[in-house]
Amino acid sequence: MRIAVVKEIKPAEARVGLTPAGAEDLVRAGHTVLVERSAGELAGFPDEQYLAAGAELVSREDAWGRAELLVKVKEPIAEEYPFLRDDLTLFTYLHLAADRPLTEALLAAGTLGIAYETVFDGTGLPLLAPMSEIAGSLAAHAAAANLMRPAGGPGVLLGGAPGVAPARVLVIGGGAVGTQAAQLALGMQAEVTVLEMSPTRIRQLDALLDGRARVLMSDVATVEAELAQADVVIGAVLVPGRAAPKVVSRAQLALLKPTALLIDVAIDQGGAFETSRPTTYADPIFEVDGIRHYCVANMPGAVPQTATRALTNATLPYIRRIAQQGAEAAVAADAALALGVNTRSGGIVHQGVAEAFADLPAAVGDRSLALR
């Protein structure tokens, strides 16, 4: 199979879809790997490493045009839409429930779109988990940095000091993002509360965090009580394939301290706070009703070398399977991969995306929908 990797052109994105080691693995298996020139440079993987791995360096047009399977990190943006076509399999993060223009472009092109974030193997989200873990870590780092006075914060040290109370960090959502954010914040000696809706997950978090954090059932009364005490609120909720639920309304901002900081890690899925809008590392913070919001989309893009290695570790077995069997056969044989299919032959396949855009064509008889 011809597998192509292109340079990411979304602003502030420095990751690449495949490491040279991953490319070598696929070449040794008999596949052709096409890599757009300089695709990996910002992630610490120069062209020479891909050449040594047996990949072919090509232009962006050749990579898209010759690919049977195109491997990316981030969803295509508008200038890439013309490259989409009906004999292409696109394997990347898509986040379609928060992106109508891309959804429409994939449908118009008839592209088979497989989203990393909705591949589900019965125990979790194996292709989303590594980036979620990195994003959770970065959220805790962002909290520490943006509580400091030079960053416009109140001048609070996350972990406090002898005789001085630490900052209070409220994490809403106890999945991969929330767990990692809580663990790192605890490591920096913050006072941490995690809100979670699943009784099973609450018990798991109690054991995992070993009593160092408060883990509470999330309901409106508890959310509001905890908001009033928090110095930092980290939105870490996720419903795979669907827009993120709004766990903090604009009216609830009035409950917060004037110096509080909101960090919305769910912004790629539309945001967990009603007042969120995407920002970048170049200009990460804005205020609504006097409350600072940190809503950097694509947070793992700040650590592209670590993130690219972690992503390839997770995606390579699936890429290998698609390349060996062909996309449709691989999807038919693997229920986890089938759940990753979001678009096919001009129709929406994933239930969450179909619900987000009820007026767009849905492949209601498709196996992926039937699996839900």
Protein backbone atom coordinates (compact mmCIF):
# COMPACT_ATOMS: atom_id res chain seq x y z
CA MET A 1 0.00 0.00 0.00
CA ARG A 2 1.10 3.59 -0.58
CA ILE A 3 1.10 5.36 2.78
CA ALA A 4 1.70 9.09 2.86
CA VAL A 5 2.64 11.48 5.63
CA VAL A 6 2.20 15.21 5.10
CA LYS A 7 3.51 18.25 6.91
CA GLU A 8 0.94 19.63 9.34
CA ILE A 9 -0.11 23.15 8.41
CA LYS A 10 -2.58 23.91 11.16
CA PRO A 11 -1.21 26.91 13.11
CA ALA A 12 1.23 26.00 15.89
CA GLU A 13 1.19 22.30 14.99
CA ALA A 14 4.67 20.78 14.91
CA ARG A 15 3.91 17.07 15.26
CA VAL A 16 4.10 14.64 12.37
CA GLY A 17 1.96 11.59 11.72
CA LEU A 18 4.72 8.98 11.70
CA THR A 19 8.25 8.72 13.10
CA PRO A 20 11.14 7.49 10.93
CA ALA A 21 11.09 4.28 12.97
CA GLY A 22 7.43 3.81 12.08
CA ALA A 23 8.20 4.46 8.42
CA GLU A 24 10.98 1.86 8.50
CA ASP A 25 8.61 -0.71 9.99
CA LEU A 26 6.15 -0.19 7.14
CA VAL A 27 8.82 -0.21 4.43
CA ARG A 28 10.21 -3.49 5.75
CA ALA A 29 6.70 -4.92 5.50
CA GLY A 30 6.73 -4.13 1.78
CA HIS A 31 4.77 -0.88 1.72
CA THR A 32 5.68 2.39 0.04
CA VAL A 33 5.98 5.32 2.45
CA LEU A 34 5.79 8.82 1.01
CA VAL A 35 6.84 11.68 3.28
CA GLU A 36 6.37 15.32 2.41
CA ARG A 37 9.68 17.16 2.57
CA SER A 38 10.39 18.74 5.98
CA ALA A 39 7.26 17.11 7.46
CA GLY A 40 9.10 15.98 10.58
CA GLU A 41 11.67 18.71 11.07
CA LEU A 42 9.81 20.65 13.77
CA ALA A 43 9.29 17.43 15.70
CA GLY A 44 13.01 16.62 15.60
CA PHE A 45 12.88 14.16 12.70
CA PRO A 46 14.82 15.55 9.70
CA ASP A 47 14.34 14.33 6.15
CA GLU A 48 17.56 12.34 6.30
CA GLN A 49 16.08 10.03 8.92
CA TYR A 50 13.10 9.22 6.72
CA LEU A 51 15.38 8.58 3.75
CA ALA A 52 17.49 6.24 5.87
CA ALA A 53 14.28 4.44 6.85
CA GLY A 54 13.49 3.78 3.19
CA ALA A 55 10.80 6.41 2.73
CA GLU A 56 10.50 8.53 -0.39
CA LEU A 57 10.56 12.33 0.01
CA VAL A 58 7.91 14.05 -2.10
CA SER A 59 6.00 17.30 -2.48
CA ARG A 60 2.76 17.98 -0.66
CA GLU A 61 0.82 17.48 -3.90
CA ASP A 62 2.48 14.11 -4.54
CA ALA A 63 1.92 12.94 -0.98
CA TRP A 64 -1.79 13.66 -1.11
CA GLY A 65 -2.19 12.65 -4.74
CA ARG A 66 -0.42 9.28 -4.60
CA ALA A 67 -1.61 8.19 -1.17
CA GLU A 68 -3.97 5.29 -0.67
CA LEU A 69 -3.72 5.79 3.09
CA LEU A 70 -2.89 9.27 4.36
CA VAL A 71 -1.68 9.46 7.96
CA LYS A 72 -1.88 12.81 9.75
CA VAL A 73 -2.01 14.23 13.23
CA LYS A 74 -4.59 17.00 12.98
CA GLU A 75 -7.72 17.28 10.92
CA PRO A 76 -7.36 18.83 7.45
CA ILE A 77 -7.94 22.57 7.28
CA ALA A 78 -9.64 24.43 4.43
CA GLU A 79 -6.67 24.63 2.09
CA GLU A 80 -6.31 20.84 2.27
CA TYR A 81 -9.94 20.08 1.44
CA PRO A 82 -9.28 20.00 -2.35
CA PHE A 83 -6.92 17.04 -1.80
CA LEU A 84 -9.71 14.86 -0.37
CA ARG A 85 -11.08 12.23 -2.75
CA ASP A 86 -13.21 9.11 -2.81
CA ASP A 87 -10.37 6.57 -3.14
CA LEU A 88 -8.45 7.95 -0.16
CA THR A 89 -8.45 6.67 3.41
CA LEU A 90 -7.68 9.44 5.88
CA PHE A 91 -6.42 8.33 9.30
CA THR A 92 -6.04 11.17 11.80
CA TYR A 93 -7.72 13.10 14.60
CA LEU A 94 -10.91 14.52 13.08
CA HIS A 95 -13.11 15.93 15.90
CA LEU A 96 -15.94 16.25 13.39
CA ALA A 97 -18.72 16.97 15.87
CA ALA A 98 -17.12 20.37 16.41
CA ASP A 99 -16.24 20.99 12.74
CA ARG A 100 -19.08 21.22 10.23
CA PRO A 101 -16.97 22.54 7.30
CA LEU A 102 -14.61 19.57 7.45
CA THR A 103 -17.51 17.16 7.81
CA GLU A 104 -19.12 18.61 4.70
CA ALA A 105 -15.82 18.45 2.80
CA LEU A 106 -15.29 14.77 3.67
CA LEU A 107 -18.83 13.96 2.61
CA ALA A 108 -18.54 15.87 -0.65
CA ALA A 109 -15.30 14.07 -1.49
CA GLY A 110 -16.55 10.64 -0.45
CA THR A 111 -13.44 10.07 1.67
CA LEU A 112 -13.18 7.20 4.12
CA GLY A 113 -12.40 9.15 7.29
CA ILE A 114 -11.14 7.16 10.29
CA ALA A 115 -10.74 9.23 13.44
CA TYR A 116 -8.15 8.32 16.04
CA GLU A 117 -10.35 9.70 18.80
CA THR A 118 -13.25 7.28 18.22
CA VAL A 119 -11.31 4.03 17.85
CA PHE A 120 -12.54 2.09 20.89
CA ASP A 121 -11.21 -1.32 21.88
CA GLY A 122 -13.61 -2.14 24.72
CA THR A 123 -11.26 -0.95 27.44
CA GLY A 124 -10.65 2.60 26.30
CA LEU A 125 -9.59 4.92 23.50
CA PRO A 126 -6.13 3.64 22.58
CA LEU A 127 -5.30 6.29 19.98
CA LEU A 128 -6.61 9.22 22.00
CA ALA A 129 -5.14 8.18 25.35
CA PRO A 130 -1.50 9.16 24.72
CA MET A 131 -2.42 12.67 23.61
CA SER A 132 -4.94 12.99 26.43
CA GLU A 133 -2.27 12.08 28.93
CA ILE A 134 0.11 14.64 27.48
CA ALA A 135 -2.63 17.29 27.39
CA GLY A 136 -3.45 16.60 31.03
CA SER A 137 0.18 17.07 32.01
CA LEU A 138 0.37 20.29 30.01
CA ALA A 139 -2.81 21.56 31.68
CA ALA A 140 -1.15 21.27 35.08
CA HIS A 141 1.95 23.02 33.75
CA ALA A 142 -0.26 25.77 32.30
CA ALA A 143 -1.97 26.18 35.65
CA ALA A 144 1.33 26.62 37.45
CA ALA A 145 2.69 29.07 34.87
CA ASN A 146 -0.44 31.20 34.55
CA LEU A 147 -0.97 31.66 38.26
CA MET A 148 2.29 33.59 38.27
CA ARG A 149 2.27 37.36 38.18
CA PRO A 150 4.37 37.75 34.97
CA ALA A 151 1.70 35.75 33.11
CA GLY A 152 -1.08 37.99 34.39
CA GLY A 153 -2.02 35.74 37.27
CA PRO A 154 -2.55 36.57 40.94
CA GLY A 155 1.00 35.62 41.90
CA VAL A 156 0.20 32.26 43.49
CA LEU A 157 2.58 29.29 43.64
CA LEU A 158 0.64 26.16 42.75
CA GLY A 159 2.13 24.13 45.58
CA GLY A 160 2.20 26.88 48.18
CA ALA A 161 5.10 27.20 50.61
CA PRO A 162 5.79 26.23 54.23
CA GLY A 163 3.06 27.92 56.23
CA VAL A 164 1.21 29.03 53.07
CA ALA A 165 -1.69 27.05 51.62
CA PRO A 166 -1.33 25.59 48.12
CA ALA A 167 -3.60 26.52 45.24
CA ARG A 168 -6.86 24.62 44.86
CA VAL A 169 -7.18 22.81 41.54
CA LEU A 170 -10.58 21.52 40.44
CA VAL A 171 -10.50 18.90 37.69
CA ILE A 172 -13.86 18.19 36.06
CA GLY A 173 -13.68 14.78 34.43
CA GLY A 174 -11.75 11.74 35.58
CA GLY A 175 -10.65 10.20 32.29
CA ALA A 176 -7.14 10.16 30.85
CA VAL A 177 -6.85 13.97 30.72
CA GLY A 178 -8.25 14.56 34.18
CA THR A 179 -6.25 11.76 35.78
CA GLN A 180 -2.96 12.99 34.37
CA ALA A 181 -3.74 16.61 35.26
CA ALA A 182 -4.61 15.59 38.81
CA GLN A 183 -1.50 13.45 39.22
CA LEU A 184 0.84 16.17 38.00
CA ALA A 185 -0.88 18.87 40.07
CA LEU A 186 -0.56 16.62 43.11
CA GLY A 187 3.11 16.16 42.26
CA MET A 188 3.46 19.93 42.39
CA GLN A 189 1.79 19.80 45.83
CA ALA A 190 -1.46 21.50 44.87
CA GLU A 191 -4.72 20.71 46.64
CA VAL A 192 -6.72 18.73 44.09
CA THR A 193 -10.38 17.81 43.72
CA VAL A 194 -11.62 15.61 40.87
CA LEU A 195 -15.28 15.51 39.86
CA GLU A 196 -16.48 12.42 38.00
CA MET A 197 -19.92 11.02 37.12
CA SER A 198 -19.11 7.30 36.93
CA PRO A 199 -19.24 5.47 40.29
CA THR A 200 -16.89 2.83 38.89
CA ARG A 201 -14.36 5.43 37.80
CA ILE A 202 -14.64 7.23 41.14
CA ARG A 203 -13.59 4.04 42.90
CA GLN A 204 -10.73 3.56 40.46
CA LEU A 205 -9.52 7.12 41.01
CA ASP A 206 -9.76 6.76 44.78
CA ALA A 207 -7.42 3.79 44.57
CA LEU A 208 -5.13 5.31 41.95
CA LEU A 209 -4.70 8.65 43.73
CA ASP A 210 -4.40 6.89 47.09
CA GLY A 211 -6.39 9.45 49.02
CA ARG A 212 -4.17 12.36 48.02
CA ALA A 213 -7.02 14.06 46.13
CA ARG A 214 -10.72 14.40 46.86
CA VAL A 215 -12.71 12.45 44.27
CA LEU A 216 -16.36 13.45 44.29
CA MET A 217 -19.50 12.60 42.37
CA SER A 218 -20.18 15.37 39.87
CA ASP A 219 -23.59 17.04 40.16
CA VAL A 220 -24.71 20.63 39.84
CA ALA A 221 -24.56 21.39 43.56
CA THR A 222 -21.08 19.91 43.94
CA VAL A 223 -19.77 21.66 40.83
CA GLU A 224 -20.99 25.01 42.11
CA ALA A 225 -19.63 24.48 45.61
CA GLU A 226 -16.22 23.52 44.25
CA LEU A 227 -16.12 26.36 41.72
CA ALA A 228 -16.42 28.85 44.55
CA GLN A 229 -13.23 27.54 46.16
CA ALA A 230 -11.08 26.85 43.12
CA ASP A 231 -8.01 28.77 42.01
CA VAL A 232 -7.82 26.70 38.82
CA VAL A 233 -10.58 24.77 37.02
CA ILE A 234 -9.50 22.22 34.43
CA GLY A 235 -12.21 21.07 32.02
CA ALA A 236 -11.36 17.47 31.14
CA VAL A 237 -14.67 15.99 30.00
CA LEU A 238 -14.99 13.85 26.88
CA VAL A 239 -17.77 12.00 25.12
CA PRO A 240 -16.07 10.16 22.22
CA GLY A 241 -17.13 11.49 18.85
CA ARG A 242 -19.53 14.03 20.31
CA ALA A 243 -19.25 17.69 21.21
CA ALA A 244 -18.01 18.15 24.76
CA PRO A 245 -20.76 18.79 27.33
CA LYS A 246 -20.80 22.27 28.87
CA VAL A 247 -20.00 21.73 32.52
CA VAL A 248 -19.63 25.40 33.50
CA SER A 249 -22.13 27.99 32.29
CA ARG A 250 -21.55 31.69 31.90
CA ALA A 251 -23.81 32.37 34.86
CA GLN A 252 -21.62 30.14 37.01
CA LEU A 253 -18.56 32.31 36.34
CA ALA A 254 -19.97 34.60 39.02
CA LEU A 255 -19.25 31.87 41.58
CA LEU A 256 -15.52 31.95 40.89
CA LYS A 257 -12.87 34.01 42.60
CA PRO A 258 -11.91 37.02 40.44
CA THR A 259 -8.39 35.59 40.21
CA ALA A 260 -9.48 32.10 39.11
CA LEU A 261 -8.18 30.51 35.92
CA LEU A 262 -10.21 28.21 33.63
CA ILE A 263 -8.25 25.72 31.49
CA ASP A 264 -10.37 24.02 28.82
CA VAL A 265 -8.63 20.89 27.56
CA ALA A 266 -11.85 19.84 25.81
CA ILE A 267 -11.67 22.78 23.41
CA ASP A 268 -10.86 20.52 20.45
CA GLN A 269 -14.29 18.98 20.93
CA GLY A 270 -16.04 22.34 21.28
CA GLY A 271 -15.10 23.15 24.85
CA ALA A 272 -16.31 22.21 28.32
CA PHE A 273 -17.15 25.77 29.37
CA GLU A 274 -19.95 27.78 27.79
CA THR A 275 -17.66 30.79 27.44
CA SER A 276 -14.73 28.95 25.81
CA ARG A 277 -13.33 29.68 22.37
CA PRO A 278 -10.14 28.25 20.84
CA THR A 279 -6.87 30.07 21.41
CA THR A 280 -3.23 29.38 20.53
CA TYR A 281 0.04 29.33 22.42
CA ALA A 282 0.83 32.71 20.87
CA ASP A 283 -2.17 34.30 22.59
CA PRO A 284 -3.55 31.70 24.99
CA ILE A 285 -5.73 33.66 27.41
CA PHE A 286 -8.83 35.82 27.17
CA GLU A 287 -11.28 37.10 29.75
CA VAL A 288 -15.03 36.74 30.06
CA ASP A 289 -16.74 38.56 32.91
CA GLY A 290 -13.34 39.14 34.46
CA ILE A 291 -12.42 35.43 34.53
CA ARG A 292 -9.34 34.33 32.63
CA HIS A 293 -9.81 31.44 30.17
CA TYR A 294 -6.94 29.33 28.81
CA CYS A 295 -8.34 27.49 25.79
CA VAL A 296 -5.34 26.45 23.71
CA ALA A 297 -6.43 23.95 21.09
CA ASN A 298 -4.13 21.08 20.30
CA MET A 299 -2.07 21.39 23.48
CA PRO A 300 0.26 18.41 22.75
CA GLY A 301 1.57 20.34 19.74
CA ALA A 302 3.87 22.17 22.15
CA VAL A 303 5.90 19.00 22.76
CA PRO A 304 6.02 17.56 19.23
CA GLN A 305 8.90 15.14 19.67
CA THR A 306 7.40 13.45 22.73
CA ALA A 307 3.90 13.58 21.28
CA THR A 308 4.89 12.19 17.87
CA ARG A 309 6.68 9.24 19.44
CA ALA A 310 3.73 8.53 21.74
CA LEU A 311 1.24 8.83 18.89
CA THR A 312 3.17 6.53 16.55
CA ASN A 313 3.50 3.94 19.32
CA ALA A 314 -0.30 3.86 19.48
CA THR A 315 -1.25 4.20 15.81
CA LEU A 316 1.36 2.00 14.12
CA PRO A 317 -0.38 -1.35 14.81
CA TYR A 318 -3.56 0.03 13.21
CA ILE A 319 -1.66 1.55 10.27
CA ARG A 320 0.06 -1.79 9.76
CA ARG A 321 -3.30 -3.59 9.79
CA ILE A 322 -4.89 -1.20 7.28
CA ALA A 323 -1.86 -1.45 5.00
CA GLN A 324 -1.76 -5.26 5.12
CA GLN A 325 -5.47 -5.93 4.70
CA GLY A 326 -6.76 -2.87 2.91
CA ALA A 327 -8.91 -0.28 4.65
CA GLU A 328 -12.32 -1.86 4.16
CA ALA A 329 -11.15 -5.36 5.06
CA ALA A 330 -9.34 -4.06 8.15
CA VAL A 331 -12.44 -2.18 9.27
CA ALA A 332 -14.64 -5.22 8.67
CA ALA A 333 -12.29 -7.45 10.69
CA ASP A 334 -11.68 -5.12 13.63
CA ALA A 335 -14.60 -3.79 15.68
CA ALA A 336 -12.36 -1.23 17.39
CA LEU A 337 -11.25 0.21 14.05
CA ALA A 338 -14.83 0.12 12.75
CA LEU A 339 -15.82 2.47 15.55
CA GLY A 340 -13.16 4.85 14.27
CA VAL A 341 -14.91 5.26 10.92
CA ASN A 342 -16.61 8.66 10.86
CA THR A 343 -17.37 9.13 7.14
CA ARG A 344 -17.69 6.76 4.21
CA SER A 345 -18.95 7.15 0.63
CA GLY A 346 -20.56 10.52 1.25
CA GLY A 347 -22.33 9.63 4.49
CA ILE A 348 -21.69 10.14 8.20
CA VAL A 349 -21.02 6.83 9.90
CA HIS A 350 -20.34 7.77 13.51
CA GLN A 351 -23.46 8.18 15.65
CA GLY A 352 -22.14 11.17 17.60
CA VAL A 353 -21.28 13.07 14.43
CA ALA A 354 -24.63 12.15 12.88
CA GLU A 355 -26.39 13.58 15.93
CA ALA A 356 -24.34 16.78 15.75
CA PHE A 357 -25.30 17.32 12.09
CA ALA A 358 -28.73 15.75 11.73
CA ASP A 359 -29.30 17.54 8.40
CA LEU A 360 -26.26 15.92 6.71
CA PRO A 361 -26.36 12.49 5.02
CA ALA A 362 -25.86 9.59 7.42
CA ALA A 363 -24.97 6.02 6.49
CA VAL A 364 -27.57 4.70 8.90
CA GLY A 365 -27.18 1.11 7.76
CA ASP A 366 -23.42 1.10 8.18
CA ARG A 367 -21.84 -1.44 10.50
CA SER A 368 -20.18 1.23 12.63
CA LEU A 369 -23.54 2.76 13.47
CA ALA A 370 -24.99 -0.69 14.06
CA LEU A 371 -22.26 -1.41 16.62
CA ARG A 372 -23.53 1.40 18.86
